[in-house]
Protein backbone atom coordinates (compact mmCIF):
# COMPACT_ATOMS: atom_id res chain seq x y z
CA MET A 1 -74.95 13.25 14.49
CA LYS A 2 -71.53 12.45 13.08
CA ARG A 3 -68.76 11.57 15.50
CA THR A 4 -65.08 10.79 15.16
CA GLY A 5 -63.74 7.30 15.61
CA GLY A 6 -62.13 8.43 18.86
CA GLN A 7 -65.47 9.63 20.18
CA LEU A 8 -67.14 6.36 19.16
CA ILE A 9 -64.52 4.34 21.05
CA VAL A 10 -65.18 6.29 24.24
CA GLU A 11 -68.97 6.13 23.80
CA ALA A 12 -68.73 2.34 23.44
CA LEU A 13 -66.64 2.11 26.61
CA LYS A 14 -69.19 4.19 28.55
CA ALA A 15 -72.05 2.06 27.21
CA ASN A 16 -70.28 -0.97 28.68
CA GLY A 17 -69.86 0.58 32.10
CA VAL A 18 -66.16 1.46 31.93
CA SER A 19 -65.14 4.00 34.58
CA ARG A 20 -61.33 3.89 34.29
CA VAL A 21 -58.61 3.14 31.77
CA ALA A 22 -54.86 2.67 32.22
CA CYS A 23 -52.64 4.15 29.55
CA VAL A 24 -49.32 5.43 28.38
CA PRO A 25 -50.17 8.16 25.83
CA GLY A 26 -49.10 8.10 22.20
CA GLU A 27 -49.65 10.24 19.12
CA SER A 28 -51.27 7.29 17.35
CA TYR A 29 -54.45 7.56 19.41
CA LEU A 30 -54.68 11.26 20.26
CA ALA A 31 -58.29 11.32 19.07
CA VAL A 32 -59.24 8.80 21.79
CA LEU A 33 -57.35 10.76 24.46
CA ASP A 34 -59.23 13.89 23.39
CA ALA A 35 -62.56 12.07 23.58
CA LEU A 36 -61.69 10.91 27.10
CA TYR A 37 -61.09 14.53 28.20
CA GLU A 38 -64.65 15.28 29.35
CA SER A 39 -66.02 11.75 29.26
CA GLY A 40 -66.20 11.04 32.99
CA ILE A 41 -63.91 8.04 32.49
CA GLU A 42 -60.80 8.36 34.65
CA THR A 43 -57.55 8.08 32.73
CA VAL A 44 -54.80 6.58 34.90
CA VAL A 45 -51.49 7.61 33.38
CA CYS A 46 -48.73 5.02 33.84
CA ARG A 47 -44.99 5.10 33.22
CA GLN A 48 -44.52 1.95 31.15
CA GLU A 49 -46.97 0.00 29.03
CA GLY A 50 -46.26 -3.30 30.78
CA GLY A 51 -47.29 -1.73 34.08
CA ALA A 52 -50.41 -0.23 32.48
CA ALA A 53 -51.43 -3.63 31.11
CA MET A 54 -50.84 -5.27 34.50
CA MET A 55 -53.06 -2.64 36.13
CA ALA A 56 -55.81 -3.40 33.62
CA ASP A 57 -55.34 -7.11 34.33
CA THR A 58 -55.79 -6.45 38.06
CA TRP A 59 -59.01 -4.51 37.47
CA GLY A 60 -60.32 -7.39 35.39
CA ARG A 61 -59.16 -9.89 38.01
CA LEU A 62 -60.88 -8.10 40.92
CA THR A 63 -64.11 -7.06 39.15
CA GLY A 64 -64.83 -9.76 36.57
CA GLU A 65 -65.32 -7.00 33.98
CA PRO A 66 -62.68 -6.25 31.34
CA GLY A 67 -59.85 -4.02 32.49
CA ILE A 68 -59.08 -1.43 29.82
CA CYS A 69 -55.58 -0.49 28.68
CA MET A 70 -54.56 1.93 25.91
CA VAL A 71 -51.09 2.10 24.38
CA THR A 72 -49.42 3.38 21.27
CA ARG A 73 -48.11 1.31 18.38
CA GLY A 74 -44.89 -0.66 18.04
CA PRO A 75 -42.77 -0.34 21.20
CA GLY A 76 -45.81 0.62 23.27
CA ALA A 77 -47.74 -2.44 22.17
CA THR A 78 -44.84 -4.85 22.59
CA ASN A 79 -44.15 -3.47 26.08
CA ALA A 80 -47.79 -4.17 26.93
CA SER A 81 -47.51 -7.76 25.74
CA ALA A 82 -46.17 -8.82 29.18
CA GLY A 83 -49.51 -7.91 30.79
CA LEU A 84 -51.37 -9.44 27.86
CA HIS A 85 -49.63 -12.79 28.39
CA ILE A 86 -50.49 -12.71 32.10
CA ALA A 87 -54.17 -12.11 31.35
CA MET A 88 -54.22 -14.91 28.78
CA GLN A 89 -52.68 -17.58 31.03
CA ASP A 90 -54.69 -16.39 34.04
CA SER A 91 -58.06 -16.23 32.18
CA ILE A 92 -58.55 -12.53 33.00
CA PRO A 93 -60.95 -10.31 31.00
CA MET A 94 -59.04 -7.38 29.53
CA ILE A 95 -59.14 -5.23 26.39
CA LEU A 96 -55.98 -3.69 24.99
CA PHE A 97 -56.50 -0.82 22.54
CA ILE A 98 -53.46 -0.07 20.37
CA GLY A 99 -52.94 2.97 18.18
CA GLN A 100 -51.92 1.84 14.70
CA VAL A 101 -50.30 3.38 11.61
CA GLN A 102 -52.62 5.08 9.15
CA ARG A 103 -54.39 2.76 6.74
CA ASP A 104 -52.63 3.89 3.57
CA ALA A 105 -49.22 3.11 5.11
CA ARG A 106 -49.86 -0.50 6.09
CA GLU A 107 -47.63 -3.33 4.84
CA ARG A 108 -44.76 -0.89 4.18
CA GLU A 109 -43.05 -1.37 7.54
CA ALA A 110 -44.07 2.17 8.39
CA PHE A 111 -42.90 3.94 11.54
CA GLN A 112 -43.52 1.58 14.49
CA GLU A 113 -45.76 -0.68 12.36
CA VAL A 114 -46.66 -4.13 13.64
CA GLU A 115 -49.33 -6.44 12.24
CA TYR A 116 -51.01 -7.30 15.54
CA ARG A 117 -53.31 -9.92 14.06
CA ARG A 118 -50.19 -11.96 13.37
CA ALA A 119 -48.01 -10.88 16.28
CA PHE A 120 -50.48 -11.26 19.16
CA THR A 121 -52.46 -14.35 18.16
CA GLU A 122 -50.93 -16.42 20.99
CA PHE A 123 -51.41 -13.62 23.52
CA ALA A 124 -55.14 -13.01 23.18
CA LYS A 125 -58.52 -14.67 22.60
CA TRP A 126 -59.16 -12.37 19.65
CA VAL A 127 -57.11 -9.76 17.82
CA GLY A 128 -58.96 -7.35 15.56
CA GLU A 129 -58.28 -4.16 13.63
CA ILE A 130 -61.01 -1.60 12.98
CA ASP A 131 -60.73 -0.36 9.40
CA ASP A 132 -64.03 1.53 9.32
CA ALA A 133 -65.07 3.89 12.13
CA ARG A 134 -68.71 3.00 11.52
CA ARG A 135 -67.97 -0.51 12.79
CA ILE A 136 -66.56 0.62 16.15
CA PRO A 137 -69.75 -0.19 18.15
CA GLU A 138 -69.77 -3.67 16.60
CA PHE A 139 -66.10 -4.38 17.35
CA VAL A 140 -66.13 -3.03 20.90
CA THR A 141 -69.33 -4.88 21.84
CA ARG A 142 -67.80 -8.08 20.47
CA ALA A 143 -64.57 -7.40 22.39
CA PHE A 144 -66.45 -7.24 25.71
CA ALA A 145 -68.38 -10.41 24.88
CA VAL A 146 -65.27 -12.37 23.89
CA ALA A 147 -63.24 -11.17 26.88
CA THR A 148 -65.89 -12.29 29.39
CA SER A 149 -67.51 -15.38 27.86
CA GLY A 150 -66.44 -18.99 28.31
CA ARG A 151 -62.89 -18.95 29.59
CA PRO A 152 -62.24 -15.20 30.00
CA GLY A 153 -59.17 -13.61 28.50
CA PRO A 154 -57.68 -10.58 26.79
CA VAL A 155 -58.77 -9.03 23.50
CA VAL A 156 -56.67 -6.72 21.33
CA LEU A 157 -58.18 -4.02 19.10
CA SER A 158 -55.88 -2.15 16.74
CA LEU A 159 -56.95 1.42 15.86
CA PRO A 160 -55.49 2.99 12.70
CA GLU A 161 -54.69 6.64 13.44
CA ASP A 162 -56.61 8.07 10.47
CA MET A 163 -59.67 5.92 11.29
CA LEU A 164 -59.87 7.58 14.69
CA VAL A 165 -60.26 11.06 13.19
CA GLU A 166 -62.75 9.91 10.56
CA LEU A 167 -66.15 11.65 10.99
CA VAL A 168 -68.99 9.18 10.44
CA ASP A 169 -72.56 8.27 11.23
CA ALA A 170 -72.65 5.12 13.36
CA ALA A 171 -75.06 3.12 15.50
CA GLU A 172 -75.35 4.04 19.14
CA ALA A 173 -73.28 1.65 21.25
CA LYS A 174 -75.10 -0.78 23.52
CA PRO A 175 -73.70 -2.93 26.34
CA TYR A 176 -72.66 -6.48 25.59
CA THR A 177 -74.93 -9.35 26.63
CA PRO A 178 -73.35 -11.78 29.13
CA VAL A 179 -73.59 -15.46 28.19
CA GLU A 180 -73.86 -18.17 30.83
CA ASN A 181 -73.90 -21.98 30.74
CA HIS A 182 -75.79 -23.91 33.40
CA PRO A 183 -75.35 -27.54 34.47
CA GLY A 184 -78.24 -29.82 33.56
CA PRO A 185 -80.25 -31.90 36.05
CA GLN A 186 -78.78 -35.15 34.70
CA GLN A 187 -75.26 -33.88 35.31
CA MET A 188 -76.09 -32.88 38.87
CA ALA A 189 -77.72 -36.25 39.46
CA LYS A 190 -74.57 -37.98 38.19
CA LEU A 191 -72.44 -35.81 40.50
CA ALA A 192 -74.63 -36.78 43.47
CA GLU A 193 -74.17 -40.43 42.52
CA LEU A 194 -70.38 -40.09 42.32
CA LEU A 195 -70.25 -38.33 45.69
CA ALA A 196 -72.42 -40.98 47.28
CA GLY A 197 -70.02 -43.70 46.13
CA ALA A 198 -66.80 -41.91 47.07
CA GLN A 199 -64.60 -42.77 50.02
CA ARG A 200 -61.80 -40.21 49.55
CA PRO A 201 -63.16 -37.19 47.61
CA MET A 202 -61.26 -33.95 47.03
CA VAL A 203 -62.27 -30.58 45.57
CA ILE A 204 -59.79 -28.27 43.84
CA LEU A 205 -60.92 -24.70 43.17
CA GLY A 206 -59.37 -22.44 40.56
CA GLY A 207 -59.92 -20.17 37.62
CA THR A 208 -61.93 -17.00 37.35
CA ARG A 209 -65.59 -15.92 37.01
CA TRP A 210 -66.12 -16.35 40.75
CA THR A 211 -68.06 -13.81 42.79
CA GLU A 212 -68.25 -13.09 46.49
CA GLN A 213 -71.66 -14.79 46.53
CA SER A 214 -70.53 -17.95 44.73
CA VAL A 215 -67.47 -18.24 47.00
CA ALA A 216 -69.69 -17.96 50.08
CA GLN A 217 -72.21 -20.46 48.69
CA PHE A 218 -69.51 -22.99 47.92
CA LYS A 219 -68.03 -22.66 51.39
CA THR A 220 -71.46 -23.45 52.86
CA PHE A 221 -71.78 -26.47 50.56
CA ALA A 222 -68.28 -27.81 51.33
CA GLU A 223 -68.74 -27.50 55.08
CA ARG A 224 -72.18 -29.10 54.90
CA PHE A 225 -70.68 -32.09 53.05
CA LYS A 226 -67.45 -31.94 55.13
CA LEU A 227 -65.46 -32.08 51.89
CA PRO A 228 -61.73 -31.32 51.81
CA VAL A 229 -61.01 -28.32 49.56
CA GLY A 230 -57.76 -27.14 48.03
CA CYS A 231 -57.12 -23.95 46.06
CA SER A 232 -55.16 -23.86 42.85
CA PHE A 233 -51.92 -21.90 42.44
CA ARG A 234 -52.44 -18.21 43.30
CA ARG A 235 -56.18 -18.71 43.70
CA GLN A 236 -56.05 -19.07 47.49
CA MET A 237 -58.62 -16.33 48.02
CA LEU A 238 -61.36 -18.66 46.75
CA PHE A 239 -61.74 -20.43 50.11
CA ASP A 240 -61.46 -19.44 53.77
CA HIS A 241 -58.22 -20.96 55.05
CA LEU A 242 -59.58 -21.31 58.57
CA SER A 243 -62.61 -23.28 57.42
CA PRO A 244 -62.49 -26.88 58.75
CA SER A 245 -62.74 -27.99 55.11
CA TYR A 246 -59.60 -26.22 53.87
CA ALA A 247 -56.77 -28.59 52.97
CA GLY A 248 -54.17 -26.23 51.47
CA ASP A 249 -52.93 -24.71 48.24
CA VAL A 250 -52.34 -26.85 45.19
CA GLY A 251 -49.40 -25.02 43.67
CA ILE A 252 -45.64 -24.64 43.60
CA GLY A 253 -44.06 -26.22 46.67
CA ILE A 254 -47.23 -28.11 47.56
CA ASN A 255 -47.36 -29.75 50.98
CA PRO A 256 -46.17 -33.34 50.27
CA ALA A 257 -48.97 -34.65 52.50
CA LEU A 258 -51.58 -32.84 50.40
CA SER A 259 -49.99 -34.07 47.18
CA LYS A 260 -50.24 -37.64 48.49
CA GLU A 261 -53.89 -37.19 49.46
CA ILE A 262 -54.78 -35.89 45.99
CA LYS A 263 -53.07 -38.82 44.32
CA GLN A 264 -54.87 -41.25 46.64
CA SER A 265 -58.30 -39.66 46.21
CA ASP A 266 -60.97 -41.69 44.49
CA LEU A 267 -62.95 -38.62 43.33
CA ILE A 268 -61.54 -35.26 42.21
CA ILE A 269 -63.90 -32.37 41.59
CA LEU A 270 -61.95 -29.77 39.63
CA LEU A 271 -64.03 -26.61 39.74
CA GLY A 272 -63.23 -23.54 37.65
CA GLY A 273 -59.57 -24.28 36.93
CA ARG A 274 -57.50 -26.10 34.31
CA LEU A 275 -54.97 -27.82 36.61
CA SER A 276 -52.13 -26.74 34.35
CA GLU A 277 -48.41 -27.32 34.89
CA MET A 278 -47.82 -25.43 38.15
CA PRO A 279 -50.86 -26.59 40.19
CA SER A 280 -50.50 -30.14 38.87
CA SER A 281 -46.87 -30.36 40.05
CA GLY A 282 -45.60 -30.75 36.51
CA TYR A 283 -48.63 -32.81 35.41
CA THR A 284 -47.97 -35.48 38.04
CA LEU A 285 -51.01 -35.23 40.34
CA LEU A 286 -53.36 -36.68 37.74
CA ASP A 287 -52.38 -39.11 35.01
CA ILE A 288 -52.72 -37.88 31.40
CA PRO A 289 -54.96 -38.45 29.56
CA TYR A 290 -56.81 -40.86 31.88
CA PRO A 291 -56.61 -39.96 35.58
CA SER A 292 -56.64 -42.86 38.01
CA GLN A 293 -59.10 -40.88 40.12
CA THR A 294 -62.69 -40.38 39.02
CA LEU A 295 -62.62 -36.84 37.64
CA VAL A 296 -65.43 -34.30 37.55
CA HIS A 297 -64.30 -31.23 35.65
CA VAL A 298 -66.40 -28.06 35.76
CA PHE A 299 -65.21 -25.34 33.39
CA PRO A 300 -66.98 -22.59 31.43
CA GLN A 301 -65.40 -23.39 28.05
CA ALA A 302 -66.23 -26.66 26.32
CA GLU A 303 -62.92 -26.84 24.42
CA GLU A 304 -61.00 -27.17 27.69
CA LEU A 305 -63.02 -30.15 28.92
CA GLY A 306 -61.06 -33.23 27.85
CA ARG A 307 -58.19 -31.20 26.39
CA VAL A 308 -55.62 -32.56 28.87
CA TYR A 309 -57.52 -34.80 31.27
CA ARG A 310 -60.38 -37.00 30.17
CA PRO A 311 -63.13 -36.38 32.77
CA ASP A 312 -65.67 -38.98 33.87
CA LEU A 313 -68.17 -36.15 34.16
CA ALA A 314 -67.70 -32.91 32.21
CA ILE A 315 -69.84 -29.92 33.08
CA CYS A 316 -69.60 -26.79 30.93
CA ALA A 317 -70.55 -24.04 33.38
CA ALA A 318 -69.05 -21.04 35.14
CA PRO A 319 -68.40 -21.51 38.86
CA GLY A 320 -71.34 -19.33 39.92
CA GLU A 321 -73.91 -21.22 37.89
CA PHE A 322 -72.54 -24.57 39.03
CA VAL A 323 -72.47 -23.58 42.70
CA GLU A 324 -76.10 -22.45 42.52
CA ALA A 325 -77.02 -25.95 41.39
CA LEU A 326 -75.08 -27.54 44.24
CA VAL A 327 -77.60 -26.34 46.82
CA THR A 328 -80.03 -28.94 45.48
CA LEU A 329 -77.78 -31.81 46.62
CA GLU A 330 -78.46 -33.41 49.99
CA ALA A 331 -75.48 -34.00 52.23
CA PRO A 332 -74.97 -37.38 53.91
CA GLU A 333 -75.57 -37.37 57.66
CA ASN A 334 -72.16 -38.81 58.52
CA PRO A 335 -69.81 -38.62 55.52
CA VAL A 336 -67.28 -41.44 55.57
CA TRP A 337 -64.58 -38.92 54.67
CA SER A 338 -65.21 -36.45 57.52
CA GLU A 339 -62.28 -37.62 59.68
CA ARG A 340 -59.97 -37.44 56.69
CA THR A 341 -61.10 -33.86 56.03
CA ALA A 342 -60.41 -32.87 59.64
CA ALA A 343 -56.96 -34.47 59.49
CA MET A 344 -56.15 -32.68 56.23
CA HIS A 345 -57.10 -29.32 57.75
CA ALA A 346 -54.97 -29.99 60.83
CA THR A 347 -52.05 -30.85 58.56
CA TYR A 348 -52.60 -27.58 56.68
CA ARG A 349 -52.56 -25.60 59.94
CA THR A 350 -49.20 -27.11 60.82
CA TRP A 351 -47.80 -26.61 57.31
CA SER A 352 -48.88 -22.93 57.27
CA THR A 353 -47.25 -22.09 60.61
CA PRO A 354 -44.04 -20.21 59.74
CA PRO A 355 -40.63 -21.19 61.13
CA LYS A 356 -39.31 -18.93 63.88
CA THR A 357 -35.62 -19.14 63.03
CA GLY A 358 -33.34 -19.03 60.01
CA PRO A 359 -30.04 -17.62 58.79
CA GLY A 360 -29.27 -13.94 59.31
CA PRO A 361 -30.59 -11.23 61.65
CA VAL A 362 -33.98 -10.90 59.90
CA GLN A 363 -36.44 -13.78 60.23
CA MET A 364 -39.36 -13.83 57.79
CA GLY A 365 -41.36 -16.29 59.93
CA PRO A 366 -41.99 -13.87 62.82
CA ILE A 367 -42.62 -11.10 60.29
CA MET A 368 -45.40 -13.19 58.74
CA ASP A 369 -46.78 -13.82 62.23
CA TRP A 370 -46.88 -10.05 62.80
CA ILE A 371 -48.64 -9.46 59.49
CA GLU A 372 -51.23 -12.15 60.25
CA ALA A 373 -51.99 -10.55 63.61
CA ASN A 374 -52.04 -6.94 62.44
CA VAL A 375 -53.51 -6.56 58.97
CA PRO A 376 -57.30 -6.58 58.35
CA GLU A 377 -58.92 -9.68 56.86
CA ASP A 378 -59.90 -7.75 53.73
CA THR A 379 -56.32 -6.63 53.00
CA ILE A 380 -55.42 -7.23 49.35
CA PHE A 381 -52.07 -8.95 48.80
CA THR A 382 -50.29 -8.63 45.47
CA ASN A 383 -47.02 -10.11 44.26
CA GLY A 384 -45.06 -10.94 41.17
CA ALA A 385 -42.71 -13.94 41.02
CA GLY A 386 -39.80 -15.18 43.09
CA ASN A 387 -38.99 -17.30 46.11
CA TYR A 388 -40.07 -14.43 48.40
CA ALA A 389 -43.67 -15.09 47.32
CA THR A 390 -43.58 -18.41 49.21
CA TRP A 391 -43.93 -16.47 52.45
CA VAL A 392 -47.31 -15.13 51.29
CA HIS A 393 -48.59 -18.24 49.53
CA ARG A 394 -47.72 -20.68 52.27
CA PHE A 395 -48.04 -18.65 55.46
CA HIS A 396 -50.71 -16.02 54.86
CA ARG A 397 -54.13 -17.44 55.65
CA PHE A 398 -56.56 -15.91 53.18
CA ARG A 399 -60.01 -15.45 54.65
CA ARG A 400 -61.98 -13.49 52.07
CA PHE A 401 -62.67 -13.28 48.35
CA ASN A 402 -60.84 -10.62 46.29
CA THR A 403 -57.86 -10.35 48.60
CA GLN A 404 -55.25 -11.69 46.17
CA SER A 405 -53.83 -10.51 42.86
CA ALA A 406 -50.89 -12.52 41.58
CA PRO A 407 -49.98 -14.01 38.19
CA THR A 408 -50.24 -17.76 37.69
CA SER A 409 -47.87 -17.25 34.75
CA GLY A 410 -45.08 -16.36 37.18
CA SER A 411 -44.44 -12.96 35.63
CA MET A 412 -41.97 -10.80 37.54
CA GLY A 413 -42.76 -7.14 38.13
CA TYR A 414 -46.51 -7.68 38.53
CA GLY A 415 -46.94 -6.94 42.24
CA LEU A 416 -46.41 -3.17 42.28
CA PRO A 417 -48.68 -2.16 39.37
CA ALA A 418 -51.24 -4.66 40.70
CA ALA A 419 -51.14 -2.97 44.10
CA VAL A 420 -51.62 0.46 42.51
CA ALA A 421 -54.62 -0.82 40.56
CA ALA A 422 -56.13 -2.60 43.57
CA LYS A 423 -55.82 0.49 45.77
CA HIS A 424 -57.36 2.62 43.02
CA LEU A 425 -60.29 0.20 42.87
CA PHE A 426 -60.68 -0.23 46.65
CA PRO A 427 -59.27 2.95 48.26
CA GLN A 428 -60.62 2.11 51.73
CA ARG A 429 -58.87 -1.27 51.92
CA GLU A 430 -55.27 -1.92 52.88
CA VAL A 431 -53.15 -3.12 49.97
CA VAL A 432 -49.83 -4.88 50.54
CA CYS A 433 -47.43 -5.63 47.71
CA PHE A 434 -44.83 -8.31 48.35
CA ALA A 435 -41.85 -8.00 46.03
CA GLY A 436 -38.31 -9.23 45.73
CA ASP A 437 -35.53 -6.83 44.81
CA GLY A 438 -35.33 -8.29 41.31
CA CYS A 439 -39.10 -8.36 40.89
CA PHE A 440 -39.63 -4.80 42.17
CA MET A 441 -37.14 -3.23 39.77
CA MET A 442 -38.98 -4.56 36.72
CA HIS A 443 -41.89 -2.17 37.26
CA GLY A 444 -40.68 -0.08 40.19
CA GLN A 445 -41.33 3.10 38.21
CA GLU A 446 -45.08 2.65 38.80
CA PHE A 447 -44.43 3.65 42.43
CA ILE A 448 -44.69 7.22 41.13
CA THR A 449 -48.15 6.38 39.77
CA ALA A 450 -49.22 5.51 43.31
CA VAL A 451 -47.76 8.85 44.49
CA ARG A 452 -49.48 10.81 41.72
CA TYR A 453 -52.93 9.42 42.52
CA GLY A 454 -52.49 9.44 46.30
CA LEU A 455 -52.67 5.66 46.71
CA PRO A 456 -50.98 4.63 49.99
CA ILE A 457 -49.96 1.08 49.15
CA ILE A 458 -47.42 -0.66 51.37
CA THR A 459 -44.64 -2.56 49.58
CA VAL A 460 -42.80 -5.21 51.59
CA LEU A 461 -39.60 -5.46 49.57
CA VAL A 462 -37.58 -8.57 50.38
CA ASN A 463 -34.02 -7.70 49.35
CA ASN A 464 -31.50 -10.55 49.23
CA GLY A 465 -29.34 -9.11 46.45
CA THR A 466 -30.07 -11.89 43.99
CA TYR A 467 -32.50 -13.33 41.51
CA GLY A 468 -33.35 -15.82 44.22
CA THR A 469 -35.42 -18.44 42.40
CA ILE A 470 -32.91 -18.73 39.57
CA ARG A 471 -30.03 -18.80 42.05
CA MET A 472 -31.72 -21.64 43.93
CA HIS A 473 -32.04 -23.71 40.73
CA GLN A 474 -28.51 -22.73 39.70
CA GLU A 475 -27.02 -23.96 42.97
CA ARG A 476 -28.89 -27.23 42.59
CA GLU A 477 -27.88 -27.86 38.96
CA TYR A 478 -24.47 -26.12 38.88
CA PRO A 479 -23.25 -25.94 42.51
CA GLY A 480 -20.90 -23.06 43.28
CA ARG A 481 -20.93 -21.69 39.72
CA VAL A 482 -22.80 -18.42 40.25
CA SER A 483 -23.58 -16.77 36.93
CA ALA A 484 -25.94 -13.86 36.12
CA THR A 485 -27.89 -14.06 39.37
CA ASP A 486 -26.18 -11.52 41.67
CA LEU A 487 -27.74 -8.04 41.80
CA VAL A 488 -26.65 -4.52 42.71
CA ASN A 489 -29.58 -2.55 44.08
CA PRO A 490 -30.40 1.08 44.79
CA ASP A 491 -31.05 2.44 48.26
CA PHE A 492 -34.74 1.57 48.34
CA VAL A 493 -35.51 3.91 51.25
CA ALA A 494 -34.00 6.80 49.28
CA PHE A 495 -35.89 5.57 46.21
CA ALA A 496 -39.22 5.76 48.04
CA LYS A 497 -38.49 9.23 49.42
CA ALA A 498 -37.21 10.55 46.08
CA TYR A 499 -40.53 9.54 44.52
CA GLY A 500 -42.48 11.32 47.25
CA GLY A 501 -43.32 8.24 49.28
CA HIS A 502 -42.34 6.82 52.67
CA GLY A 503 -39.32 4.55 53.14
CA GLU A 504 -38.18 2.19 55.91
CA ILE A 505 -35.43 -0.38 56.23
CA VAL A 506 -35.61 -3.50 58.40
CA GLU A 507 -32.29 -5.07 59.40
CA LYS A 508 -33.54 -6.88 62.53
CA THR A 509 -36.74 -8.90 62.90
CA GLU A 510 -38.12 -6.78 65.73
CA ASP A 511 -37.87 -3.64 63.58
CA PHE A 512 -40.59 -4.77 61.18
CA GLY A 513 -43.74 -4.11 63.23
CA PRO A 514 -42.86 -0.50 64.14
CA ALA A 515 -41.70 0.15 60.56
CA TYR A 516 -45.00 -1.13 59.18
CA GLU A 517 -47.00 1.01 61.62
CA ARG A 518 -45.03 4.10 60.58
CA ALA A 519 -45.57 3.28 56.91
CA ARG A 520 -49.29 2.87 57.51
CA ALA A 521 -49.49 6.13 59.50
CA SER A 522 -47.62 8.10 56.83
CA GLY A 523 -50.61 8.07 54.49
CA LYS A 524 -48.18 7.79 51.57
CA PRO A 525 -47.15 4.97 49.25
CA ALA A 526 -44.47 3.19 51.25
CA ILE A 527 -41.57 0.80 50.79
CA ILE A 528 -40.38 -1.35 53.68
CA GLU A 529 -37.08 -2.87 52.64
CA ILE A 530 -36.24 -6.12 54.42
CA LYS A 531 -32.53 -6.96 54.28
CA LEU A 532 -32.70 -10.73 54.05
CA ASP A 533 -29.69 -13.00 54.16
CA PRO A 534 -29.39 -14.69 50.71
CA GLU A 535 -28.89 -18.00 52.55
CA ALA A 536 -32.58 -17.80 53.58
CA ILE A 537 -33.63 -18.85 50.10
CA THR A 538 -36.68 -20.92 51.20
CA PRO A 539 -38.50 -21.36 54.52
CA ALA A 540 -37.01 -24.83 54.92
CA ARG A 541 -33.61 -24.89 53.17
CA THR A 542 -30.59 -22.61 52.85
CA LEU A 543 -28.55 -22.00 49.70
CA THR A 544 -25.71 -23.99 51.23
CA GLN A 545 -27.97 -26.97 51.85
CA ILE A 546 -29.23 -26.82 48.26
CA ARG A 547 -25.68 -26.49 46.93
CA GLU A 548 -24.59 -29.52 48.95
CA GLY A 549 -27.62 -31.55 47.95
CA ASN A 550 -29.13 -31.68 51.44
């Protein structure tokens, strides 16, 4: 039976288990929208393509399967590129479908024409254009395979408008075949040998392709060996922070004591991550290209092994497959590093205890204490970028897998669409978006998407009237010369109510708990605006102290 290209796209998505897509509609892919009409796939309509792409990224981040996003050509596609870049740097499986100009108009700079195979090469693992509708099953199957194999990442498929209405005979779509690499027995034997000879080992977890099972298995292994474990930047959910093995997060604003311990380690096991610029403290924790520590690097893509750091032992495997092999290793009865591990965890507990005082009438430390005592362990926290995120990263103690969605690329505006996507995926779980005033306004329009789909997220909006991170750097480099960092904001409580949600304002610390409870009880998407003194720029230093070099 002949089918249109639009129908073939949707059939291929269904064959690969897709149950939802995020989109902003466009006339360039009307045939796909029509095929979605009675498909059983839920179409989540967003208000800006960047937000739609960030929602797809979150679905990929929290499921391990490609999040699907559909946008129109030209401006729609370039808007979506923000989410595409996040997925690329974060190793998140995602597929972006873009409506394209008709085939006979290409290379004429037609209306909204972009050559995506040139424009998006740096943003995706693979960029393809489907010229023949009969090849749709082939292209889509390949897209799923590329997005999920090795180091995961985004794929872009461009869909010429006339191809989508073409009526053709085509093969029936089949699901992609997952590909896995497993560590060999010789590699595991070498790892056992390196562990046996170590005095000051350290494990750093990161990356993607983890599952709830592999996270639990690794925790059992680490505690059995009494190994200290750190989590890479914005990957804190990979290890229980109250485990006696947890040593802290290896990211921006790292605990100086943890940084020192990593540098003084004699064995680093880097599992799942790349240890790129942010988690490596500007490439200073390990020497390049030859680390002074013995380095074991476990990563699912061979090209990454040895790319920056030359490992003493390179293992090409996804975290799950590697962790399964770890159970074969026998732990020493009394590891020589056990006291060091206990001391590192105690240091983390002190470091992650928030300060009780600070400038202004609202104190974020006690607010974080309230959140820790009153939100469920499986609450999902999302955020974009800004100094406000320090309060989550440093002081929230993650206990469970899949409770964090935040961009390692430091992209502002991510938190709100991520929260919408997370709540859509897990409607029974509490979802808390942390956002700054600058960060929120970059994709604040997706608050209406939460209202439309009845998704009662809670946004903790830290409003200090400034682009805080940039202001902090500005005061350090150009003291007293404030330029382009002050903000004028809307009434965020009125904003929430105008959109059909619930709004609260917190101007004193003690107001936060009751405001949160009211937001939770409202059953609506909610914004809790915290009026924070701009002097409270970090948990430890004020703007004045930074300006004066203290």
